[in-house]
Protein backbone atom coordinates (compact mmCIF):
# COMPACT_ATOMS: atom_id res chain seq x y z
CA MET A 1 -61.48 -169.40 36.92
CA VAL A 2 -58.93 -168.35 39.53
CA TYR A 3 -58.31 -164.65 40.03
CA LEU A 4 -54.84 -163.69 41.23
CA ASN A 5 -53.16 -160.44 42.00
CA TYR A 6 -49.87 -160.35 40.08
CA ASN A 7 -48.16 -158.59 43.01
CA ASN A 8 -49.11 -161.35 45.44
CA LEU A 9 -47.70 -164.67 44.21
CA ASP A 10 -45.93 -165.51 47.45
CA ASN A 11 -45.65 -168.91 49.13
CA GLU A 12 -48.87 -168.40 51.10
CA THR A 13 -50.86 -167.83 47.90
CA GLN A 14 -49.29 -170.87 46.26
CA GLN A 15 -50.17 -173.03 49.27
CA ARG A 16 -53.75 -171.72 49.17
CA LEU A 17 -54.02 -172.70 45.51
CA VAL A 18 -52.70 -176.20 46.24
CA SER A 19 -55.16 -176.50 49.13
CA VAL A 20 -58.09 -175.53 46.89
CA SER A 21 -56.88 -177.96 44.24
CA LYS A 22 -56.59 -180.76 46.84
CA LYS A 23 -60.20 -180.24 47.88
CA ASP A 24 -61.27 -180.26 44.25
CA VAL A 25 -59.37 -183.48 43.46
CA GLU A 26 -60.58 -185.16 46.64
CA ARG A 27 -64.18 -184.26 45.85
CA LYS A 28 -63.92 -185.56 42.27
CA PHE A 29 -61.61 -188.57 42.64
CA GLY A 30 -61.19 -189.22 46.39
CA ASN A 31 -62.57 -192.75 46.46
CA ASP A 32 -60.69 -193.79 43.32
CA LEU A 33 -57.43 -192.40 44.69
CA LYS A 34 -57.90 -194.21 47.99
CA ARG A 35 -58.48 -197.52 46.21
CA TYR A 36 -55.46 -196.93 43.94
CA ALA A 37 -53.24 -196.03 46.90
CA LYS A 38 -54.31 -199.13 48.80
CA ALA A 39 -53.88 -201.45 45.80
CA HIS A 40 -50.39 -200.11 45.02
CA HIS A 41 -49.24 -199.66 48.65
CA LEU A 42 -48.88 -195.88 48.34
CA GLU A 43 -49.53 -193.16 50.88
CA TYR A 44 -52.87 -191.50 50.10
CA GLU A 45 -51.79 -187.98 51.15
CA THR A 46 -48.73 -188.09 48.89
CA LEU A 47 -50.80 -189.27 45.97
CA LEU A 48 -53.40 -186.57 46.65
CA GLU A 49 -50.70 -183.88 46.76
CA GLU A 50 -49.26 -185.01 43.41
CA GLU A 51 -52.68 -185.08 41.77
CA ALA A 52 -53.54 -181.65 43.21
CA ILE A 53 -50.40 -180.15 41.68
CA LYS A 54 -51.25 -181.72 38.31
CA ASN A 55 -54.79 -180.38 38.65
CA LEU A 56 -53.48 -176.81 38.97
CA TYR A 57 -52.63 -176.89 35.25
CA SER A 58 -56.31 -177.39 34.39
CA TYR A 59 -57.40 -174.08 35.98
CA GLU A 60 -57.84 -170.86 34.05
CA TYR A 61 -56.04 -167.98 35.72
CA VAL A 62 -56.78 -164.28 35.50
CA PHE A 63 -54.01 -161.97 36.67
CA ASN A 64 -54.80 -158.48 37.90
CA ILE A 65 -51.83 -156.25 37.24
């Protein structure tokens, strides 16, 4: 669960969430993504970024108002 302050949804907070999601995706699927990127001639960092953004939708958010 991700706890957010409703008054603080600025760019810095969004980048922190993407960074946390990247680490999560890399931990879970890093080797698979590297193989996929190599097999399909894709840049690994771009693929990781896309998957991290998709992963954000799987989190449960709690907003403190």
